[in-house]
């Protein structure tokens, strides 16, 4: 198995949209899940912090290049458009996201 890199980030959901955000992820669109797997994304999880608005994302990725290419897919753009009313986004409807740097790991 190829070595995977961890991708960890935060995003912000609007407080009055948390329930809808959760509903739309259970389950995520099948075509979205397939596309992510095809782009080398594994073990992708989202968590909601106790503040009720901060989302914490974790994914294992095969490469930064494949991860970046997700944004160019039609299904991703459609997903972003559908999620934009629920969370803070950039002008292209991509979620505002802040990468987190790993500082400790215990295997």
N, C-alpha and C. Protein backbone atom coordinates (compact mmCIF):
# COMPACT_ATOMS: atom_id res chain seq x y z
N UNK A 1 0.84 -1.18 0.00
CA UNK A 1 0.00 0.00 0.00
C UNK A 1 0.88 1.24 0.00
N UNK A 2 0.51 2.21 -0.81
CA UNK A 2 1.26 3.47 -0.90
C UNK A 2 1.15 4.24 0.41
N UNK A 3 2.18 4.97 0.71
CA UNK A 3 2.17 5.81 1.91
C UNK A 3 1.12 6.91 1.75
N UNK A 4 0.37 7.12 2.81
CA UNK A 4 -0.66 8.16 2.79
C UNK A 4 -0.23 9.33 3.66
N UNK A 5 -0.71 10.49 3.29
CA UNK A 5 -0.48 11.72 4.04
C UNK A 5 -1.78 12.08 4.74
N UNK A 6 -1.67 12.61 5.94
CA UNK A 6 -2.86 13.06 6.66
C UNK A 6 -3.19 14.49 6.25
N UNK A 7 -4.45 14.74 6.01
CA UNK A 7 -4.95 16.08 5.70
C UNK A 7 -5.93 16.43 6.82
N UNK A 8 -5.65 17.52 7.53
CA UNK A 8 -6.49 17.92 8.65
C UNK A 8 -6.80 19.40 8.51
N UNK A 9 -8.06 19.76 8.72
CA UNK A 9 -8.48 21.14 8.47
C UNK A 9 -9.72 21.47 9.29
N UNK A 10 -9.99 22.77 9.41
CA UNK A 10 -11.22 23.23 10.04
C UNK A 10 -12.03 24.04 9.04
N UNK A 11 -13.34 24.05 9.27
CA UNK A 11 -14.28 24.87 8.52
C UNK A 11 -15.33 25.36 9.51
N UNK A 12 -16.20 26.25 9.06
CA UNK A 12 -17.24 26.80 9.93
C UNK A 12 -18.62 26.60 9.31
N UNK A 13 -19.52 25.99 10.07
CA UNK A 13 -20.92 25.84 9.67
C UNK A 13 -21.72 26.91 10.40
N UNK A 14 -22.76 27.42 9.77
CA UNK A 14 -23.61 28.41 10.42
C UNK A 14 -24.39 27.72 11.55
N UNK A 15 -24.50 28.38 12.71
CA UNK A 15 -25.14 27.74 13.86
C UNK A 15 -26.54 27.21 13.59
N UNK A 16 -27.33 27.91 12.79
CA UNK A 16 -28.69 27.46 12.52
C UNK A 16 -28.77 26.42 11.40
N UNK A 17 -27.61 26.00 10.88
CA UNK A 17 -27.58 25.04 9.78
C UNK A 17 -26.89 23.72 10.15
N UNK A 18 -26.52 23.56 11.40
CA UNK A 18 -25.78 22.36 11.83
C UNK A 18 -26.57 21.09 11.54
N UNK A 19 -27.83 21.06 11.91
CA UNK A 19 -28.64 19.85 11.70
C UNK A 19 -28.72 19.50 10.21
N UNK A 20 -28.89 20.51 9.36
CA UNK A 20 -28.96 20.25 7.92
C UNK A 20 -27.61 19.79 7.39
N UNK A 21 -26.51 20.37 7.88
CA UNK A 21 -25.18 19.94 7.47
C UNK A 21 -24.98 18.46 7.80
N UNK A 22 -25.36 18.07 8.99
CA UNK A 22 -25.23 16.67 9.40
C UNK A 22 -26.11 15.78 8.53
N UNK A 23 -27.35 16.20 8.29
CA UNK A 23 -28.27 15.40 7.47
C UNK A 23 -27.70 15.14 6.08
N UNK A 24 -27.10 16.17 5.48
CA UNK A 24 -26.58 16.03 4.12
C UNK A 24 -25.34 15.14 4.04
N UNK A 25 -24.75 14.84 5.16
CA UNK A 25 -23.58 13.96 5.18
C UNK A 25 -23.93 12.52 5.57
N UNK A 26 -25.20 12.25 5.81
CA UNK A 26 -25.60 10.93 6.28
C UNK A 26 -26.73 10.36 5.44
N UNK A 27 -26.43 9.78 4.30
CA UNK A 27 -25.08 9.60 3.75
C UNK A 27 -24.71 10.74 2.80
N UNK A 28 -23.42 10.83 2.53
CA UNK A 28 -22.94 11.75 1.51
C UNK A 28 -23.37 11.19 0.15
N UNK A 29 -23.49 12.03 -0.85
CA UNK A 29 -23.87 11.56 -2.18
C UNK A 29 -22.96 10.40 -2.61
N UNK A 30 -23.52 9.34 -3.15
CA UNK A 30 -22.69 8.22 -3.62
C UNK A 30 -21.65 8.65 -4.66
N UNK A 31 -22.05 9.56 -5.57
CA UNK A 31 -21.09 9.99 -6.60
C UNK A 31 -19.95 10.81 -5.99
N UNK A 32 -20.21 11.49 -4.88
CA UNK A 32 -19.16 12.23 -4.19
C UNK A 32 -18.19 11.25 -3.53
N UNK A 33 -18.72 10.25 -2.86
CA UNK A 33 -17.88 9.24 -2.22
C UNK A 33 -17.01 8.52 -3.25
N UNK A 34 -17.59 8.16 -4.38
CA UNK A 34 -16.84 7.47 -5.43
C UNK A 34 -15.73 8.36 -5.96
N UNK A 35 -16.04 9.62 -6.24
CA UNK A 35 -15.04 10.54 -6.76
C UNK A 35 -13.89 10.71 -5.77
N UNK A 36 -14.20 10.87 -4.48
CA UNK A 36 -13.14 11.03 -3.48
C UNK A 36 -12.22 9.81 -3.47
N UNK A 37 -12.80 8.63 -3.49
CA UNK A 37 -11.98 7.40 -3.50
C UNK A 37 -11.13 7.33 -4.76
N UNK A 38 -11.71 7.71 -5.91
CA UNK A 38 -10.96 7.72 -7.17
C UNK A 38 -9.80 8.72 -7.13
N UNK A 39 -9.91 9.72 -6.27
CA UNK A 39 -8.85 10.73 -6.13
C UNK A 39 -7.93 10.45 -4.94
N UNK A 40 -7.95 9.20 -4.47
CA UNK A 40 -7.00 8.79 -3.44
C UNK A 40 -7.31 9.27 -2.04
N UNK A 41 -8.58 9.50 -1.73
CA UNK A 41 -8.97 9.94 -0.39
C UNK A 41 -9.49 8.72 0.38
N UNK A 42 -8.94 8.53 1.57
CA UNK A 42 -9.30 7.38 2.41
C UNK A 42 -9.59 7.86 3.84
N UNK A 43 -10.40 7.11 4.54
CA UNK A 43 -10.65 7.36 5.97
C UNK A 43 -11.01 8.83 6.24
N UNK A 44 -11.94 9.34 5.48
CA UNK A 44 -12.35 10.74 5.58
C UNK A 44 -13.42 10.87 6.65
N UNK A 45 -13.18 11.73 7.62
CA UNK A 45 -14.12 11.96 8.71
C UNK A 45 -14.31 13.45 8.94
N UNK A 46 -15.51 13.81 9.39
CA UNK A 46 -15.80 15.17 9.81
C UNK A 46 -16.28 15.11 11.25
N UNK A 47 -15.85 16.08 12.05
CA UNK A 47 -16.24 16.17 13.44
C UNK A 47 -16.77 17.57 13.71
N UNK A 48 -17.67 17.69 14.67
CA UNK A 48 -18.20 18.98 15.08
C UNK A 48 -17.70 19.28 16.48
N UNK A 49 -17.05 20.42 16.64
CA UNK A 49 -16.53 20.82 17.95
C UNK A 49 -17.67 21.21 18.88
N UNK A 50 -17.39 21.23 20.15
CA UNK A 50 -18.42 21.57 21.14
C UNK A 50 -18.93 23.00 21.01
N UNK A 51 -18.19 23.86 20.30
CA UNK A 51 -18.70 25.23 20.10
C UNK A 51 -19.90 25.25 19.16
N UNK A 52 -20.17 24.11 18.51
CA UNK A 52 -21.35 23.97 17.66
C UNK A 52 -21.22 24.52 16.27
N UNK A 53 -20.06 25.10 15.91
CA UNK A 53 -19.90 25.67 14.57
C UNK A 53 -18.59 25.27 13.89
N UNK A 54 -17.61 24.86 14.64
CA UNK A 54 -16.32 24.50 14.05
C UNK A 54 -16.33 23.04 13.63
N UNK A 55 -16.06 22.84 12.36
CA UNK A 55 -15.94 21.49 11.81
C UNK A 55 -14.46 21.13 11.73
N UNK A 56 -14.14 19.91 12.05
CA UNK A 56 -12.78 19.40 12.01
C UNK A 56 -12.77 18.24 11.02
N UNK A 57 -12.00 18.38 9.95
CA UNK A 57 -11.93 17.34 8.94
C UNK A 57 -10.62 16.58 9.00
N UNK A 58 -10.70 15.28 8.78
CA UNK A 58 -9.52 14.42 8.75
C UNK A 58 -9.65 13.48 7.57
N UNK A 59 -8.61 13.41 6.76
CA UNK A 59 -8.60 12.46 5.64
C UNK A 59 -7.18 11.97 5.45
N UNK A 60 -7.07 10.75 4.98
CA UNK A 60 -5.78 10.22 4.56
C UNK A 60 -5.79 10.29 3.03
N UNK A 61 -4.77 10.93 2.48
CA UNK A 61 -4.73 11.15 1.03
C UNK A 61 -3.49 10.51 0.43
N UNK A 62 -3.61 10.11 -0.82
CA UNK A 62 -2.47 9.51 -1.52
C UNK A 62 -1.47 10.55 -1.98
N UNK A 63 -1.97 11.76 -2.30
CA UNK A 63 -1.06 12.83 -2.70
C UNK A 63 -1.78 14.17 -2.65
N UNK A 64 -1.01 15.22 -2.45
CA UNK A 64 -1.58 16.57 -2.47
C UNK A 64 -2.15 16.90 -3.84
N UNK A 65 -1.52 16.38 -4.90
CA UNK A 65 -1.98 16.65 -6.26
C UNK A 65 -3.37 16.06 -6.50
N UNK A 66 -3.56 14.80 -6.08
CA UNK A 66 -4.88 14.18 -6.25
C UNK A 66 -5.93 14.89 -5.40
N UNK A 67 -5.54 15.29 -4.18
CA UNK A 67 -6.45 16.02 -3.30
C UNK A 67 -6.87 17.34 -3.96
N UNK A 68 -5.92 18.06 -4.49
CA UNK A 68 -6.21 19.34 -5.14
C UNK A 68 -7.11 19.16 -6.36
N UNK A 69 -6.96 18.05 -7.07
CA UNK A 69 -7.75 17.80 -8.27
C UNK A 69 -9.22 17.56 -7.96
N UNK A 70 -9.55 17.21 -6.73
CA UNK A 70 -10.95 17.03 -6.33
C UNK A 70 -11.74 18.29 -6.65
N UNK A 71 -11.16 19.45 -6.40
CA UNK A 71 -11.85 20.73 -6.60
C UNK A 71 -12.23 20.98 -8.05
N UNK A 72 -11.59 20.32 -8.98
CA UNK A 72 -11.87 20.52 -10.40
C UNK A 72 -12.97 19.61 -10.94
N UNK A 73 -13.49 18.74 -10.11
CA UNK A 73 -14.52 17.81 -10.59
C UNK A 73 -15.90 18.46 -10.55
N UNK A 74 -16.75 18.04 -11.47
CA UNK A 74 -18.11 18.57 -11.52
C UNK A 74 -18.89 18.23 -10.26
N UNK A 75 -18.72 17.01 -9.76
CA UNK A 75 -19.48 16.62 -8.56
C UNK A 75 -19.06 17.44 -7.35
N UNK A 76 -17.80 17.78 -7.23
CA UNK A 76 -17.34 18.60 -6.12
C UNK A 76 -17.93 20.00 -6.21
N UNK A 77 -17.90 20.57 -7.40
CA UNK A 77 -18.47 21.91 -7.58
C UNK A 77 -19.97 21.92 -7.27
N UNK A 78 -20.67 20.87 -7.69
CA UNK A 78 -22.10 20.75 -7.41
C UNK A 78 -22.32 20.63 -5.90
N UNK A 79 -21.47 19.84 -5.23
CA UNK A 79 -21.55 19.68 -3.77
C UNK A 79 -21.34 21.02 -3.07
N UNK A 80 -20.29 21.74 -3.48
CA UNK A 80 -20.02 23.05 -2.89
C UNK A 80 -21.22 23.98 -3.04
N UNK A 81 -21.80 24.01 -4.24
CA UNK A 81 -22.96 24.87 -4.46
C UNK A 81 -24.11 24.51 -3.53
N UNK A 82 -24.31 23.21 -3.31
CA UNK A 82 -25.41 22.77 -2.45
C UNK A 82 -25.13 23.05 -0.98
N UNK A 83 -23.87 23.09 -0.59
CA UNK A 83 -23.50 23.30 0.81
C UNK A 83 -23.29 24.77 1.16
N UNK A 84 -23.14 25.63 0.17
CA UNK A 84 -22.84 27.05 0.42
C UNK A 84 -23.82 27.74 1.37
N UNK A 85 -25.11 27.45 1.31
CA UNK A 85 -26.02 28.12 2.24
C UNK A 85 -25.82 27.71 3.71
N UNK A 86 -25.05 26.65 3.93
CA UNK A 86 -24.91 26.09 5.27
C UNK A 86 -23.65 26.52 6.00
N UNK A 87 -22.68 27.10 5.26
CA UNK A 87 -21.38 27.33 5.87
C UNK A 87 -20.64 28.50 5.25
N UNK A 88 -19.58 28.90 5.92
CA UNK A 88 -18.76 29.99 5.38
C UNK A 88 -18.01 29.48 4.16
N UNK A 89 -18.08 30.27 3.06
CA UNK A 89 -17.47 29.85 1.81
C UNK A 89 -16.68 30.98 1.16
N UNK A 90 -15.87 30.59 0.19
CA UNK A 90 -15.17 31.53 -0.67
C UNK A 90 -16.09 31.92 -1.81
N UNK A 91 -15.64 32.84 -2.67
CA UNK A 91 -16.46 33.31 -3.78
C UNK A 91 -16.91 32.21 -4.73
N UNK A 92 -16.10 31.15 -4.87
CA UNK A 92 -16.45 30.04 -5.77
C UNK A 92 -17.29 28.97 -5.07
N UNK A 93 -17.78 29.27 -3.87
CA UNK A 93 -18.57 28.37 -3.03
C UNK A 93 -17.76 27.27 -2.37
N UNK A 94 -16.46 27.24 -2.59
CA UNK A 94 -15.64 26.28 -1.84
C UNK A 94 -15.66 26.69 -0.37
N UNK A 95 -15.62 25.73 0.53
CA UNK A 95 -15.65 26.09 1.94
C UNK A 95 -14.41 26.86 2.36
N UNK A 96 -14.59 27.87 3.20
CA UNK A 96 -13.44 28.49 3.83
C UNK A 96 -12.82 27.41 4.71
N UNK A 97 -11.55 27.17 4.52
CA UNK A 97 -10.89 26.07 5.20
C UNK A 97 -9.52 26.49 5.68
N UNK A 98 -9.15 26.02 6.86
CA UNK A 98 -7.83 26.30 7.40
C UNK A 98 -7.14 24.97 7.69
N UNK A 99 -6.00 24.74 7.04
CA UNK A 99 -5.24 23.52 7.29
C UNK A 99 -4.62 23.57 8.67
N UNK A 100 -4.55 22.41 9.30
CA UNK A 100 -3.89 22.27 10.58
C UNK A 100 -2.60 21.47 10.38
N UNK A 101 -1.58 21.85 11.11
CA UNK A 101 -0.28 21.20 11.00
C UNK A 101 -0.14 20.17 12.12
N UNK A 102 0.27 18.99 11.75
CA UNK A 102 0.49 17.94 12.75
C UNK A 102 1.71 18.28 13.59
N UNK A 103 1.55 18.18 14.91
CA UNK A 103 2.68 18.44 15.79
C UNK A 103 3.02 17.24 16.68
N UNK A 104 2.16 16.22 16.68
CA UNK A 104 2.41 15.03 17.47
C UNK A 104 1.71 13.86 16.83
N UNK A 105 2.37 12.70 16.85
CA UNK A 105 1.77 11.48 16.32
C UNK A 105 2.34 10.30 17.09
N UNK A 106 1.47 9.40 17.54
CA UNK A 106 1.87 8.19 18.23
C UNK A 106 1.32 7.02 17.44
N UNK A 107 2.21 6.20 16.93
CA UNK A 107 1.77 5.03 16.14
C UNK A 107 1.59 3.82 17.05
